[in-house]
Amino acid sequence: MQFEHTAIPAVTIVTPKKHSDARGFFSEVYKQSEWRGAGLDCVFVQDNHSYSAPAGTLRGLHFQIDPAGQDKLIRVTRGRILDVVVDLRRSSPTFGKHIAVELSAANWRQLFVPIGFAHGFVTLEPDTEVLYKVTSLYSPAHDRGLAWDDPDLGIDWHIPPSGPLLSERDKHWPRLRDLKDAFA
């Protein structure tokens, strides 16, 4: 596995090796010993699978507050997304900054998002499937979000002129400046 730090050092791109032959391929997409060797020591407790039919489906920006904060490992098994994370750690020099990484079935990259970040993605192709592991179970009491279109964040989502397809919940999250539940 290749581990590559991003402009926000806590966020890591992980690219597993693919072993291909005439039958297809095999890949170890997560191996605890390699993660520990790269300084990433977490225990995943839940796997999630999301399917989005149309391109331009936007999910996020989501996070869970402590004590149910979640590290996440995101990957795409079909299609392509722009994956976005925003630093919500108030004491961080990158607080309020974001990174955007393209993940796809073709590039086989994964994104590790630690606790303290909001996470979201927009589908760039129809029929996209996203799988992600988390280190805490889903907790409705700790579930929070951040406005995807907050002008202070300046995120270029690469969405069509008609706008994204959003859930009702994702239309109403607060802006960063109004966020009460950020991380210390």
Protein backbone atom coordinates (compact mmCIF):
# COMPACT_ATOMS: atom_id res chain seq x y z
CA MET A 1 0.00 0.00 0.00
CA GLN A 2 1.09 3.52 -0.72
CA PHE A 3 0.33 6.21 1.90
CA GLU A 4 0.40 9.83 0.72
CA HIS A 5 -0.21 12.81 2.99
CA THR A 6 -2.30 15.65 1.60
CA ALA A 7 -2.07 19.42 2.10
CA ILE A 8 -3.78 18.75 5.44
CA PRO A 9 -1.31 16.20 6.90
CA ALA A 10 -3.87 14.29 9.00
CA VAL A 11 -5.78 13.34 5.83
CA THR A 12 -4.11 10.51 3.92
CA ILE A 13 -4.56 9.07 0.43
CA VAL A 14 -4.12 5.29 0.52
CA THR A 15 -3.58 3.41 -2.73
CA PRO A 16 -3.65 -0.39 -2.41
CA LYS A 17 -1.68 -2.55 -4.83
CA LYS A 18 -3.66 -4.43 -7.48
CA HIS A 19 -2.48 -7.83 -8.66
CA SER A 20 -3.99 -8.39 -12.10
CA ASP A 21 -4.06 -11.33 -14.47
CA ALA A 22 -6.38 -12.78 -17.11
CA ARG A 23 -9.06 -13.47 -14.49
CA GLY A 24 -9.22 -9.90 -13.19
CA PHE A 25 -7.48 -8.61 -10.06
CA PHE A 26 -6.92 -9.11 -6.34
CA SER A 27 -6.24 -6.30 -3.89
CA GLU A 28 -5.75 -6.02 -0.14
CA VAL A 29 -7.67 -2.79 0.44
CA TYR A 30 -6.99 -2.71 4.19
CA LYS A 31 -4.26 -4.42 6.19
CA GLN A 32 -3.93 -3.43 9.83
CA SER A 33 -0.19 -4.11 10.08
CA GLU A 34 0.58 -1.83 7.11
CA TRP A 35 -1.66 0.89 8.54
CA ARG A 36 0.13 0.71 11.88
CA GLY A 37 3.46 0.89 10.06
CA ALA A 38 2.26 4.12 8.42
CA GLY A 39 1.27 5.56 11.81
CA LEU A 40 -2.46 5.00 11.36
CA ASP A 41 -3.77 2.93 14.23
CA CYS A 42 -7.54 2.64 14.30
CA VAL A 43 -10.13 -0.11 14.55
CA PHE A 44 -12.99 -0.05 12.06
CA VAL A 45 -16.34 -1.22 13.46
CA GLN A 46 -18.85 -0.55 10.67
CA ASP A 47 -18.87 -0.69 6.86
CA ASN A 48 -21.22 1.53 4.84
CA HIS A 49 -22.20 1.29 1.18
CA SER A 50 -23.78 4.14 -0.79
CA TYR A 51 -25.23 4.00 -4.30
CA SER A 52 -26.08 7.16 -6.25
CA ALA A 53 -27.92 6.80 -9.55
CA PRO A 54 -27.42 10.26 -11.14
CA ALA A 55 -24.18 12.16 -11.52
CA GLY A 56 -24.29 15.33 -9.42
CA THR A 57 -25.58 13.60 -6.29
CA LEU A 58 -24.03 15.37 -3.32
CA ARG A 59 -23.84 13.73 0.11
CA GLY A 60 -22.47 15.80 2.98
CA LEU A 61 -20.82 17.47 4.62
CA HIS A 62 -21.25 15.06 7.58
CA PHE A 63 -19.47 14.28 10.84
CA GLN A 64 -20.14 12.89 14.28
CA ILE A 65 -19.14 14.70 17.46
CA ASP A 66 -17.40 13.10 20.43
CA PRO A 67 -17.73 10.65 22.03
CA ALA A 68 -18.94 9.09 18.75
CA GLY A 69 -16.44 10.75 16.39
CA GLN A 70 -15.53 8.65 13.36
CA ASP A 71 -12.34 8.03 11.43
CA LYS A 72 -13.37 7.09 7.89
CA LEU A 73 -11.77 5.17 5.04
CA ILE A 74 -13.56 5.96 1.77
CA ARG A 75 -13.25 4.15 -1.54
CA VAL A 76 -15.17 3.91 -4.81
CA THR A 77 -15.92 0.52 -6.36
CA ARG A 78 -17.95 1.83 -9.30
CA GLY A 79 -17.94 5.27 -10.89
CA ARG A 80 -16.16 8.41 -9.74
CA ILE A 81 -16.52 11.04 -7.00
CA LEU A 82 -14.99 14.27 -5.82
CA ASP A 83 -14.39 13.59 -2.13
CA VAL A 84 -14.17 16.66 0.12
CA VAL A 85 -13.05 17.02 3.74
CA VAL A 86 -13.13 20.16 5.90
CA ASP A 87 -10.97 20.58 9.00
CA LEU A 88 -13.21 21.27 12.02
CA ARG A 89 -10.44 21.14 14.65
CA ARG A 90 -10.53 24.65 16.13
CA SER A 91 -6.92 24.48 17.37
CA SER A 92 -5.58 23.32 14.00
CA PRO A 93 -3.64 25.69 11.71
CA THR A 94 -5.82 24.32 8.88
CA PHE A 95 -9.16 24.92 10.67
CA GLY A 96 -11.83 25.70 8.05
CA LYS A 97 -9.60 24.60 5.17
CA HIS A 98 -10.60 21.80 2.86
CA ILE A 99 -9.10 19.37 0.41
CA ALA A 100 -10.79 17.68 -2.54
CA VAL A 101 -9.59 14.38 -3.96
CA GLU A 102 -10.96 12.45 -6.92
CA LEU A 103 -11.62 8.83 -6.04
CA SER A 104 -12.73 6.31 -8.64
CA ALA A 105 -12.95 2.65 -9.42
CA ALA A 106 -10.26 3.28 -12.03
CA ASN A 107 -7.67 5.08 -9.86
CA TRP A 108 -8.25 2.74 -6.87
CA ARG A 109 -7.35 5.45 -4.38
CA GLN A 110 -8.87 5.55 -0.91
CA LEU A 111 -9.08 8.51 1.45
CA PHE A 112 -8.50 8.27 5.19
CA VAL A 113 -10.38 11.01 7.05
CA PRO A 114 -9.64 11.25 10.78
CA ILE A 115 -11.98 12.38 13.54
CA GLY A 116 -12.35 16.16 13.51
CA PHE A 117 -13.27 16.59 9.85
CA ALA A 118 -16.54 17.03 7.97
CA HIS A 119 -16.79 14.73 4.96
CA GLY A 120 -18.85 14.79 1.79
CA PHE A 121 -18.73 13.84 -1.86
CA VAL A 122 -20.39 14.52 -5.17
CA THR A 123 -20.77 11.86 -7.84
CA LEU A 124 -19.06 12.68 -11.13
CA GLU A 125 -20.57 9.73 -13.01
CA PRO A 126 -23.95 8.01 -12.89
CA ASP A 127 -24.35 4.73 -11.01
CA THR A 128 -21.55 5.40 -8.53
CA GLU A 129 -20.95 3.18 -5.51
CA VAL A 130 -18.97 4.33 -2.48
CA LEU A 131 -17.87 2.09 0.38
CA TYR A 132 -16.47 3.39 3.62
CA LYS A 133 -15.35 2.02 6.93
CA VAL A 134 -15.82 3.94 10.20
CA THR A 135 -14.35 3.59 13.69
CA SER A 136 -17.57 4.36 15.62
CA LEU A 137 -21.09 3.16 15.06
CA TYR A 138 -23.61 5.57 13.57
CA SER A 139 -25.14 7.63 16.38
CA PRO A 140 -28.11 9.87 15.53
CA ALA A 141 -27.55 11.83 18.77
CA HIS A 142 -24.02 12.76 17.65
CA ASP A 143 -24.68 13.18 13.92
CA ARG A 144 -23.96 16.69 12.58
CA GLY A 145 -23.34 18.46 9.31
CA LEU A 146 -21.91 21.53 7.65
CA ALA A 147 -23.38 23.50 4.73
CA TRP A 148 -21.95 22.11 1.50
CA ASP A 149 -22.31 25.52 -0.19
CA ASP A 150 -20.84 27.72 2.58
CA PRO A 151 -19.18 30.56 0.61
CA ASP A 152 -16.54 30.91 3.34
CA LEU A 153 -15.27 27.42 2.48
CA GLY A 154 -14.93 28.12 -1.25
CA ILE A 155 -15.37 24.49 -2.32
CA ASP A 156 -15.52 23.88 -6.07
CA TRP A 157 -17.72 20.80 -6.21
CA HIS A 158 -17.63 20.43 -10.03
CA ILE A 159 -21.44 20.20 -10.06
CA PRO A 160 -23.64 20.65 -13.13
CA PRO A 161 -25.27 24.06 -13.74
CA SER A 162 -28.61 22.61 -12.60
CA GLY A 163 -27.11 22.12 -9.14
CA PRO A 164 -26.62 19.00 -7.05
CA LEU A 165 -29.17 16.41 -6.03
CA LEU A 166 -29.39 16.73 -2.22
CA SER A 167 -31.30 15.13 0.63
CA GLU A 168 -33.60 17.45 2.59
CA ARG A 169 -31.27 17.14 5.57
CA ASP A 170 -28.22 18.23 3.57
CA LYS A 171 -30.00 21.41 2.43
CA HIS A 172 -30.17 22.80 5.96
CA TRP A 173 -26.81 22.34 7.72
CA PRO A 174 -25.21 25.47 9.29
CA ARG A 175 -22.30 27.43 7.86
CA LEU A 176 -18.90 27.02 9.50
CA ARG A 177 -19.15 30.39 11.28
CA ASP A 178 -22.45 29.25 12.87
CA LEU A 179 -21.26 25.74 13.75
CA LYS A 180 -21.54 25.10 17.47
CA ASP A 181 -20.22 21.54 17.48
CA ALA A 182 -16.68 21.74 16.16
CA PHE A 183 -13.75 19.88 17.67
CA ALA A 184 -11.36 21.30 20.30
